[in-house]
Structure formats: structure tokens, C-alpha cells
Amino acid sequence: MTVPEVERWGVFETPVDGGPVAVGFRHADGDTAYVESFGDGPQVVRFMPDLEGQWSYEIAGRTEHFVCTPAAGRNHGPVRRVGAELRWADGTAYRPLTTTWFDEPGTPDRWAEACRAVAASPFDRVRLRVHRDDVARLDDRVRELLAAGIGAELVIADTGDLFLRDLVNRFAAYRNVTWSFVDDGERRDWRREAELVAEYDSGRHLVSVHAAPVAVDPGPPWLTHLSVPLENLRGVSALRRDYGKPVHVDECGYEGNGSGPETSLTGPELLTRIWEGTVRGGHVAHGEWYVDADGGPWSGGGSRPTGVVAQRLRLLRQVLDEMPDGVEPIEDYRDAPTLAVPGSYYLQYLGEHRFPERTFSLSEGTYEVEVLDVWNHTVRRFHETVTDTLTVRLPGTQYQAVKIRRASR
């Protein structure tokens, strides 16, 4: 009989007979995991193995086995918190670009078009709203995103022990999932709900509460990171400093023509907020709300982004993909946010300022310099030999960034 194979951090799934059951998985070296079945009809057990080699489990009185093979392709595992950073489970740096796509029950289902739009966009993470009566359709969506290498933050408003238990047992085997509760203004025991998720989540995915720090204290260890609404992205620096955790700004406003101030930002305003928060060390989500868009507002379950920011974020996606490991915010240049590996890499965002030049203190060597026009999506690249300082000439227009990388010593 052939032993099934599942790659590391893949999804092992098997049907079970009868009512809900609990299944223990054991690795050959002694590590164990505990998973419960789910489903309104036939029950299913899902498990995400995190160790290569042979696993065994007992079900219906029989001992079964499968083999966990090495991860392949874009599979880096689930996301983990490492201090104030996020990394994939294999240690690779995690630098997401997120967009918000919240549909509502009873509205036209535009997910097929939306999923294709995300796959063709610079985004590699999508915020999806959990609807209590529609988890099966959400399951299909998360699985599609997993196949495309795109993360899914599941935003939970409805709670209750049985619902959360079923939800976690259904989705915890997907490595691309993270959990986020929504602060709806009611008095909720966030610690209990987060710990309930952690109890049933054998994959140990990230957990947050989307709320301002004054509403829900993000400091306790049962919350892995901050998920905050924030209009002034300079606040990212203080949040990282005060809490020592990764900062997700999951709502900084929406490009669009909505009736409220948060849904009627101009393209340049949203773009500069995303760059500002990112270069301060945060992870800032995109949102779009054009009420007259063909297919509806993107962040209201629309078919595709129609604004200008989604396309202009391709430059930021490229910058993030090329960024070296170990980058951290530094305060050497207090008038502009700067990410750096001191001595070898610098990324500085100038935002609304129209500086004619910028001077950097650098050790002797040759550097590749790029002046990025974030709004016009252009790059001017050149090399400079430095003895102690480097002065970079700028066009004196808004929305410029400077990237410096050491080419030789």
C-alpha cells in the first residue's frame, strides 16, 4: 500500500466516519499535534505538518501513516513573529503588501474576478471578512489564495465557542492564514477568544485584534502583533517602540469617492501613507472605495481595483522584494523615515517634502544609488564613489524616495 505524501506546511486531509472526533498526530521523533474534525455533514480532519519525515495517527481504531516531504516552490511555511519583525517559518523575511476585500452576504459574488485581479497585482495578502453562514465559500477562497501563494487574513466579527472551534479546525491547516478579531465596541474578553483560537490552532498562526491601542491593549503575549487603524502613519514608529511587536496598519484610509473622509482619499494621499508607514517599519494595507466603479467598490467586494494606487504600488513591491535581510528603521535622519542595514543599505522616503538634495554619511566605497519617483513610477539609477558623505540631487518634487546599496568596499 502506498503511503500518502504531503509537503512540509502543506495540507493533509482525510474524511472521518461518524460525529466529531479528535485525532492525535505523532512524528517519528516524538513531536505531537492535536486536531479536531469539522463539518456540518461528513466530518473532515485537516492537519499542517511542520516536520519532514513519517507521521502517524489513529482513526477509527486504525493506525495510519503519511510522509512529510520537503517544502517546494514558494512554500516558506506560515508567518511567525520574531521580535518586532515577521518572518516565514523557514526564516525568510516576510514583507507583505495587503489589500482589503470585504464582501457582504446577499451581494453579487465577484470573487472569481477579484481573485484573478489580486493574482495579477502587487498584493500578496488579502483581508477577508468571515461570515458565520458562509464559511464553506470562504474555505474555497482561502484555498485558491493558497494555490496562488497569497496570504489570507481572516477578519472575525462573530464569535462564540462552537463557531470559533469549527472555524479554527477548518482553516488552521492552511499556512497562508492569519487571524484578526474586530473590535466592535462591545465589551469582549479578547484574551479568552485569542487563547481559544491558539488552543485549537495546531499551526500557531498569527492572532491580532483590529483596534486602536487605547481600545485594546496589544501588549499581552497572546496577541502576536498590532492591527491598528491609523491616519497619521508617523505613529508607526511610536507603536513599534512602545510595544516591540510587528505593526500592521490594516486601515489607513481608502482611495475613492465615498461619502466619508476615510473612503475619499486621493491617490497621492493613500500612496504616501502606505510608503510612509512601510519605511517606518510597518505593514500598511491598501483600500479602495470608488462607488461608481464597474463591479462595485473594490474593498466592498468589487471585481477589480480601478484606482491608481494599486498599480503604483508595483514599485514598492519591487523594492520590498529586493530588500536585504536585517533591515530596520533608524533615527539617524530624523526629518525622513529611513530603513537601513547601516553601512550597506538605506531606503529613505521623503513624502510630501520637496527636498532639492539629501546628504548621507557613508563609509568609503562605491554605492548604487536610485532616486525613486513614487508617484510617477520612475527610477533614476547611478553609481557614486564615496569617501565620507554622499549628496544625492533630487528633482525638488513630492513623493520621492532614495535607495542606496553598497556595491563595493
Protein backbone atom coordinates (compact mmCIF):
# COMPACT_ATOMS: atom_id res chain seq x y z
CA MET A 1 0.00 0.00 0.00
CA THR A 2 1.37 3.40 -0.98
CA VAL A 3 1.96 5.79 1.92
CA PRO A 4 0.49 9.26 1.23
CA GLU A 5 2.92 12.17 0.91
CA VAL A 6 2.35 15.77 1.95
CA GLU A 7 4.94 18.53 1.68
CA ARG A 8 6.05 20.38 4.77
CA TRP A 9 3.46 23.02 5.74
CA GLY A 10 1.09 21.52 3.19
CA VAL A 11 -2.44 20.28 3.92
CA PHE A 12 -3.05 16.69 4.96
CA GLU A 13 -6.79 15.97 4.80
CA THR A 14 -8.79 12.85 5.49
CA PRO A 15 -12.52 12.13 5.94
CA VAL A 16 -13.76 10.53 9.16
CA ASP A 17 -16.84 8.49 9.89
CA GLY A 18 -19.41 9.42 12.48
CA GLY A 19 -19.59 12.54 14.59
CA PRO A 20 -16.82 14.96 15.65
CA VAL A 21 -13.57 13.25 16.56
CA ALA A 22 -10.22 14.31 17.94
CA VAL A 23 -7.11 12.98 16.23
CA GLY A 24 -3.58 12.96 17.60
CA PHE A 25 -0.68 13.14 15.14
CA ARG A 26 2.76 11.91 16.13
CA HIS A 27 6.05 12.45 14.34
CA ALA A 28 8.73 9.76 14.31
CA ASP A 29 10.91 11.85 16.63
CA GLY A 30 8.12 12.14 19.23
CA ASP A 31 6.57 15.54 18.40
CA THR A 32 2.78 15.54 18.63
CA ALA A 33 -0.16 17.66 17.47
CA TYR A 34 -3.88 17.53 18.23
CA VAL A 35 -6.60 18.26 15.66
CA GLU A 36 -10.38 18.04 15.75
CA SER A 37 -12.68 17.28 12.83
CA PHE A 38 -15.17 19.78 11.41
CA GLY A 39 -18.10 19.93 9.03
CA ASP A 40 -21.90 20.13 9.10
CA GLY A 41 -22.23 16.92 7.10
CA PRO A 42 -19.40 14.40 6.65
CA GLN A 43 -16.59 15.23 9.04
CA VAL A 44 -13.08 16.07 7.83
CA VAL A 45 -9.73 16.29 9.60
CA ARG A 46 -7.06 18.69 8.32
CA PHE A 47 -3.50 18.94 9.57
CA MET A 48 -0.44 21.01 8.56
CA PRO A 49 2.74 19.01 9.26
CA ASP A 50 5.73 21.15 10.18
CA LEU A 51 8.39 18.43 10.35
CA GLU A 52 9.69 16.31 7.50
CA GLY A 53 9.58 12.55 7.87
CA GLN A 54 6.99 10.00 8.91
CA TRP A 55 3.83 10.92 10.81
CA SER A 56 1.29 8.52 12.29
CA TYR A 57 -2.25 9.00 13.55
CA GLU A 58 -5.02 6.80 14.86
CA ILE A 59 -8.53 6.98 13.45
CA ALA A 60 -11.46 4.56 13.82
CA GLY A 61 -9.19 2.20 15.75
CA ARG A 62 -6.61 2.01 12.94
CA THR A 63 -3.12 3.46 12.88
CA GLU A 64 -2.35 5.25 9.64
CA HIS A 65 0.78 6.94 8.30
CA PHE A 66 1.88 9.60 5.88
CA VAL A 67 5.25 11.06 4.92
CA CYS A 68 6.04 14.76 5.08
CA THR A 69 8.36 15.76 2.22
CA PRO A 70 10.45 18.97 1.92
CA ALA A 71 8.66 22.23 1.12
CA ALA A 72 8.85 23.21 -2.54
CA GLY A 73 8.49 26.33 -4.66
CA ARG A 74 7.06 29.36 -2.87
CA ASN A 75 6.18 27.37 0.23
CA HIS A 76 8.01 29.08 3.12
CA GLY A 77 5.54 27.94 5.77
CA PRO A 78 3.24 30.08 7.93
CA VAL A 79 4.27 33.52 9.17
CA ARG A 80 5.90 33.80 12.60
CA ARG A 81 6.67 36.73 14.86
CA VAL A 82 10.35 37.29 15.63
CA GLY A 83 10.63 40.29 17.97
CA ALA A 84 9.27 43.32 16.13
CA GLU A 85 9.56 41.54 12.77
CA LEU A 86 7.60 38.95 10.85
CA ARG A 87 9.29 36.01 9.15
CA TRP A 88 8.21 32.93 7.31
CA ALA A 89 8.63 29.70 9.28
CA ASP A 90 11.75 28.83 7.25
CA GLY A 91 13.38 32.09 8.39
CA THR A 92 12.84 34.09 5.19
CA ALA A 93 11.92 37.74 5.72
CA TYR A 94 8.19 38.42 5.30
CA ARG A 95 7.27 41.75 3.68
CA PRO A 96 3.62 41.70 2.61
CA LEU A 97 1.61 44.14 0.56
CA THR A 98 -2.01 43.79 1.65
CA THR A 99 -5.33 44.82 0.17
CA THR A 100 -8.79 44.77 1.75
CA TRP A 101 -11.67 42.91 0.07
CA PHE A 102 -14.80 42.71 2.22
CA ASP A 103 -17.96 41.38 0.59
CA GLU A 104 -21.36 41.17 2.25
CA PRO A 105 -23.92 38.33 2.28
CA GLY A 106 -26.57 38.73 -0.39
CA THR A 107 -24.41 40.83 -2.70
CA PRO A 108 -23.22 39.57 -6.11
CA ASP A 109 -20.36 37.12 -5.83
CA ARG A 110 -17.45 38.70 -7.71
CA TRP A 111 -14.72 36.59 -6.13
CA ALA A 112 -13.64 34.84 -9.33
CA GLU A 113 -12.79 38.18 -10.96
CA ALA A 114 -11.35 39.57 -7.74
CA CYS A 115 -9.05 36.59 -7.22
CA ARG A 116 -7.66 36.97 -10.73
CA ALA A 117 -7.15 40.68 -10.09
CA VAL A 118 -5.20 40.00 -6.90
CA ALA A 119 -3.03 37.39 -8.61
CA ALA A 120 -2.12 39.97 -11.29
CA SER A 121 -1.50 42.76 -8.75
CA PRO A 122 1.43 43.66 -6.48
CA PHE A 123 -0.55 42.37 -3.48
CA ASP A 124 0.37 39.11 -1.78
CA ARG A 125 -2.05 39.28 1.16
CA VAL A 126 -5.81 39.88 1.27
CA ARG A 127 -8.03 40.76 4.21
CA LEU A 128 -11.25 38.73 4.01
CA ARG A 129 -14.28 39.04 6.26
CA VAL A 130 -15.59 35.89 7.95
CA HIS A 131 -19.36 35.42 7.65
CA ARG A 132 -20.83 32.90 10.05
CA ASP A 133 -23.20 31.35 7.49
CA ASP A 134 -20.74 31.30 4.61
CA VAL A 135 -17.58 29.55 5.83
CA ALA A 136 -17.71 26.91 3.09
CA ARG A 137 -17.38 29.58 0.38
CA LEU A 138 -14.64 31.27 2.38
CA ASP A 139 -12.88 27.90 2.51
CA ASP A 140 -12.80 27.77 -1.30
CA ARG A 141 -11.43 31.31 -1.44
CA VAL A 142 -8.63 30.67 1.04
CA ARG A 143 -7.65 27.51 -0.81
CA GLU A 144 -7.48 29.45 -4.11
CA LEU A 145 -5.27 32.09 -2.49
CA LEU A 146 -3.03 29.38 -1.05
CA ALA A 147 -2.56 27.88 -4.51
CA ALA A 148 -1.58 31.35 -5.79
CA GLY A 149 0.89 31.98 -2.94
CA ILE A 150 -1.25 34.76 -1.43
CA GLY A 151 -1.93 35.25 2.27
CA ALA A 152 -5.43 35.47 3.75
CA GLU A 153 -6.16 37.42 6.91
CA LEU A 154 -9.48 36.18 8.25
CA VAL A 155 -11.26 39.06 9.98
CA ILE A 156 -13.67 37.70 12.60
CA ALA A 157 -16.58 39.73 13.96
CA ASP A 158 -18.92 36.90 15.05
CA THR A 159 -17.70 34.78 17.92
CA GLY A 160 -18.90 32.03 20.22
CA ASP A 161 -17.03 28.94 21.37
CA LEU A 162 -18.54 26.45 18.94
CA PHE A 163 -18.21 28.78 15.96
CA LEU A 164 -14.57 29.63 16.70
CA ARG A 165 -13.77 25.98 17.32
CA ASP A 166 -15.19 24.93 13.96
CA LEU A 167 -13.58 27.89 12.19
CA VAL A 168 -10.10 27.15 13.50
CA ASN A 169 -10.35 23.41 12.87
CA ARG A 170 -11.34 24.19 9.28
CA PHE A 171 -8.68 26.78 8.43
CA ALA A 172 -5.67 26.13 10.69
CA ALA A 173 -4.12 23.69 8.22
CA TYR A 174 -3.74 26.47 5.63
CA ARG A 175 -0.29 28.03 6.03
CA ASN A 176 -1.42 31.29 4.42
CA VAL A 177 -3.95 32.12 7.16
CA THR A 178 -3.73 34.71 9.93
CA TRP A 179 -6.48 35.59 12.44
CA SER A 180 -7.84 39.03 13.27
CA PHE A 181 -10.71 39.88 15.58
CA VAL A 182 -12.70 43.08 15.06
CA ASP A 183 -13.28 45.44 17.98
CA ASP A 184 -16.95 46.28 17.53
CA GLY A 185 -17.14 48.50 20.60
CA GLU A 186 -18.69 45.83 22.78
CA ARG A 187 -17.08 44.58 25.98
CA ARG A 188 -15.39 41.37 24.82
CA ASP A 189 -12.96 39.04 26.54
CA TRP A 190 -10.31 39.27 23.86
CA ARG A 191 -7.83 37.21 25.83
CA ARG A 192 -10.23 34.32 26.14
CA GLU A 193 -11.12 34.40 22.45
CA ALA A 194 -7.50 34.65 21.31
CA GLU A 195 -6.45 31.84 23.64
CA LEU A 196 -9.32 29.70 22.35
CA VAL A 197 -8.01 30.18 18.81
CA ALA A 198 -4.49 29.33 19.97
CA GLU A 199 -5.74 26.19 21.72
CA TYR A 200 -7.26 24.73 18.57
CA ASP A 201 -4.74 26.11 16.07
CA SER A 202 -2.01 23.50 15.77
CA GLY A 203 -0.42 25.67 13.06
CA ARG A 204 0.23 28.53 15.54
CA HIS A 205 -0.84 31.28 13.15
CA LEU A 206 -0.66 34.98 13.97
CA VAL A 207 -3.50 36.47 16.05
CA SER A 208 -4.46 40.14 16.41
CA VAL A 209 -7.35 42.40 17.39
CA HIS A 210 -8.03 45.21 14.93
CA ALA A 211 -8.40 48.20 17.23
CA ALA A 212 -6.64 51.33 18.42
CA PRO A 213 -4.21 50.63 21.29
CA VAL A 214 -6.36 52.79 23.58
CA ALA A 215 -9.29 50.42 22.97
CA VAL A 216 -7.49 47.07 23.18
CA ASP A 217 -4.05 46.76 24.75
CA PRO A 218 -1.89 44.99 22.11
CA GLY A 219 0.94 44.32 24.55
CA PRO A 220 0.00 40.93 26.07
CA PRO A 221 1.75 37.87 24.62
CA TRP A 222 -1.47 36.25 23.41
CA LEU A 223 -1.59 38.86 20.63
CA THR A 224 1.28 38.34 18.21
CA HIS A 225 1.17 41.76 16.54
CA LEU A 226 -0.69 45.06 16.36
CA SER A 227 -3.53 45.59 13.89
CA VAL A 228 -4.48 49.24 14.04
CA PRO A 229 -6.46 51.91 12.19
CA LEU A 230 -4.14 54.88 11.70
CA GLU A 231 -4.36 58.01 9.56
CA ASN A 232 -1.06 59.60 10.61
CA LEU A 233 1.49 56.97 9.65
CA ARG A 234 4.24 58.68 11.63
CA GLY A 235 2.65 56.87 14.56
CA VAL A 236 4.07 53.55 13.35
CA SER A 237 7.45 54.47 14.82
CA ALA A 238 5.99 55.05 18.29
CA LEU A 239 3.93 51.85 18.19
CA ARG A 240 6.98 49.74 17.29
CA ARG A 241 8.99 51.40 20.02
CA ASP A 242 6.32 51.18 22.73
CA TYR A 243 5.20 47.59 22.15
CA GLY A 244 8.16 45.87 20.49
CA LYS A 245 5.83 43.99 18.15
CA PRO A 246 5.17 43.99 14.40
CA VAL A 247 2.72 46.71 13.38
CA HIS A 248 0.01 46.11 10.79
CA VAL A 249 -1.86 49.28 9.80
CA ASP A 250 -4.85 47.44 8.38
CA GLU A 251 -6.87 50.60 7.84
CA CYS A 252 -5.21 53.89 6.94
CA GLY A 253 -7.99 55.05 4.59
CA TYR A 254 -9.33 54.25 1.13
CA GLU A 255 -8.64 55.80 -2.24
CA GLY A 256 -12.04 56.68 -3.64
CA ASN A 257 -15.08 58.95 -3.78
CA GLY A 258 -17.08 57.64 -0.86
CA SER A 259 -19.25 59.79 1.38
CA GLY A 260 -16.91 59.70 4.39
CA PRO A 261 -13.44 61.16 4.88
CA GLU A 262 -11.92 57.69 5.27
CA THR A 263 -13.29 56.47 1.91
CA SER A 264 -12.47 59.55 -0.19
CA LEU A 265 -8.68 59.83 -0.14
CA THR A 266 -6.83 60.97 -3.25
CA GLY A 267 -4.39 58.60 -4.88
CA PRO A 268 -1.30 60.57 -3.79
CA GLU A 269 -2.53 60.70 -0.19
CA LEU A 270 -3.09 56.96 0.11
CA LEU A 271 0.14 56.14 -1.70
CA THR A 272 2.21 58.37 0.57
CA ARG A 273 0.56 56.88 3.67
CA ILE A 274 1.48 53.37 2.55
CA TRP A 275 5.09 54.33 1.78
CA GLU A 276 5.45 56.35 4.99
CA GLY A 277 4.24 53.52 7.22
CA THR A 278 6.26 50.90 5.35
CA VAL A 279 9.55 52.79 5.59
CA ARG A 280 8.86 53.28 9.30
CA GLY A 281 8.86 49.50 9.64
CA GLY A 282 5.12 48.79 9.47
CA HIS A 283 2.93 46.80 7.11
CA VAL A 284 0.24 49.06 5.63
CA ALA A 285 -2.89 47.78 3.88
CA HIS A 286 -4.34 49.22 0.69
CA GLY A 287 -8.05 50.00 0.38
CA GLU A 288 -10.19 51.40 -2.44
CA TRP A 289 -13.75 52.72 -2.45
CA TYR A 290 -14.99 54.12 -5.77
CA VAL A 291 -18.77 53.89 -5.51
CA ASP A 292 -19.29 54.12 -9.27
CA ALA A 293 -16.67 51.51 -10.21
CA ASP A 294 -17.70 48.85 -12.68
CA GLY A 295 -18.24 45.80 -10.48
CA GLY A 296 -18.62 47.86 -7.31
CA PRO A 297 -16.10 49.35 -4.86
CA TRP A 298 -13.06 47.08 -4.69
CA SER A 299 -12.91 46.94 -0.90
CA GLY A 300 -16.66 46.33 -0.77
CA GLY A 301 -16.40 43.07 -2.69
CA GLY A 302 -15.74 44.56 -6.12
CA SER A 303 -14.38 42.79 -9.16
CA ARG A 304 -11.06 44.68 -9.52
CA PRO A 305 -9.19 47.77 -8.31
CA THR A 306 -9.91 50.73 -10.59
CA GLY A 307 -7.86 53.39 -8.79
CA VAL A 308 -4.30 54.48 -9.45
CA VAL A 309 -2.63 53.35 -6.22
CA ALA A 310 -2.84 49.60 -6.80
CA GLN A 311 -0.73 49.88 -9.95
CA ARG A 312 1.71 52.41 -8.49
CA LEU A 313 2.44 50.02 -5.62
CA ARG A 314 4.33 47.80 -8.06
CA LEU A 315 7.40 49.92 -7.41
CA LEU A 316 7.11 49.35 -3.66
CA ARG A 317 6.62 45.63 -4.28
CA GLN A 318 9.87 45.58 -6.25
CA VAL A 319 11.70 47.50 -3.52
CA LEU A 320 10.45 45.09 -0.84
CA ASP A 321 11.41 42.05 -2.90
CA GLU A 322 14.96 43.36 -3.40
CA MET A 323 15.46 44.48 0.21
CA PRO A 324 18.29 42.72 2.05
CA ASP A 325 17.78 40.81 5.26
CA GLY A 326 18.24 42.62 8.57
CA VAL A 327 16.70 45.95 7.55
CA GLU A 328 15.50 48.06 10.50
CA PRO A 329 14.22 51.63 10.96
CA ILE A 330 16.98 54.01 12.09
CA GLU A 331 16.83 57.52 13.54
CA ASP A 332 19.98 58.94 12.00
CA TYR A 333 17.83 61.09 9.70
CA ARG A 334 15.03 62.43 11.86
CA ASP A 335 13.34 64.51 9.16
CA ALA A 336 12.58 61.49 6.95
CA PRO A 337 11.78 57.83 7.75
CA THR A 338 14.69 55.55 6.89
CA LEU A 339 15.14 51.79 6.77
CA ALA A 340 18.72 50.56 6.79
CA VAL A 341 21.32 47.93 7.26
CA PRO A 342 23.86 50.51 8.43
CA GLY A 343 26.88 50.64 6.16
CA SER A 344 25.36 48.70 3.28
CA TYR A 345 21.73 49.63 2.55
CA TYR A 346 19.44 52.65 3.02
CA LEU A 347 15.88 53.38 1.95
CA GLN A 348 14.54 56.83 2.74
CA TYR A 349 11.10 58.19 1.92
CA LEU A 350 10.65 61.95 1.57
CA GLY A 351 6.87 62.08 1.21
CA GLU A 352 5.35 65.50 0.74
CA HIS A 353 8.67 67.29 1.22
CA ARG A 354 10.30 68.76 -1.86
CA PHE A 355 13.94 68.49 -0.86
CA PRO A 356 16.42 69.54 -3.56
CA GLU A 357 19.07 67.18 -2.20
CA ARG A 358 19.85 64.70 0.58
CA THR A 359 23.22 64.03 2.21
CA PHE A 360 24.12 60.66 3.72
CA SER A 361 27.08 59.80 5.93
CA LEU A 362 28.63 56.65 4.45
CA SER A 363 31.85 54.74 4.86
CA GLU A 364 34.31 54.68 1.96
CA GLY A 365 33.24 52.62 -1.02
CA THR A 366 31.15 52.54 -4.18
CA TYR A 367 27.36 52.66 -3.93
CA GLU A 368 24.47 52.11 -6.30
CA VAL A 369 22.00 54.95 -5.85
CA GLU A 370 18.40 55.03 -7.01
CA VAL A 371 16.10 58.05 -6.91
CA LEU A 372 12.55 56.72 -6.98
CA ASP A 373 9.66 58.90 -8.08
CA VAL A 374 6.95 57.03 -6.22
CA TRP A 375 4.01 58.77 -7.87
CA ASN A 376 5.27 58.83 -11.46
CA HIS A 377 6.76 55.35 -11.08
CA THR A 378 10.20 56.21 -12.43
CA VAL A 379 13.69 55.27 -11.27
CA ARG A 380 16.93 57.18 -11.87
CA ARG A 381 19.93 54.92 -11.17
CA PHE A 382 23.66 55.76 -10.93
CA HIS A 383 26.85 54.77 -9.09
CA GLU A 384 28.88 57.00 -6.76
CA THR A 385 32.28 56.54 -5.12
CA VAL A 386 32.19 57.85 -1.53
CA THR A 387 34.90 58.84 0.94
CA ASP A 388 32.73 60.07 3.85
CA THR A 389 29.45 61.63 2.61
CA LEU A 390 27.17 61.29 -0.38
CA THR A 391 24.91 64.10 -1.60
CA VAL A 392 22.05 62.94 -3.80
CA ARG A 393 20.49 65.57 -6.07
CA LEU A 394 16.69 65.44 -6.21
CA PRO A 395 14.09 66.94 -8.58
CA GLY A 396 12.51 69.01 -5.82
CA THR A 397 9.10 67.40 -6.23
CA GLN A 398 6.94 65.43 -3.83
CA TYR A 399 6.82 61.66 -3.32
CA GLN A 400 10.50 60.90 -3.84
CA ALA A 401 12.47 58.06 -2.24
CA VAL A 402 16.19 57.36 -2.17
CA LYS A 403 17.64 53.85 -2.15
CA ILE A 404 21.36 53.31 -1.57
CA ARG A 405 23.11 49.95 -1.72
CA ARG A 406 26.81 49.29 -1.27
CA ALA A 407 28.35 47.96 -4.48
CA SER A 408 31.94 47.54 -3.23
CA ARG A 409 34.19 48.48 -0.34
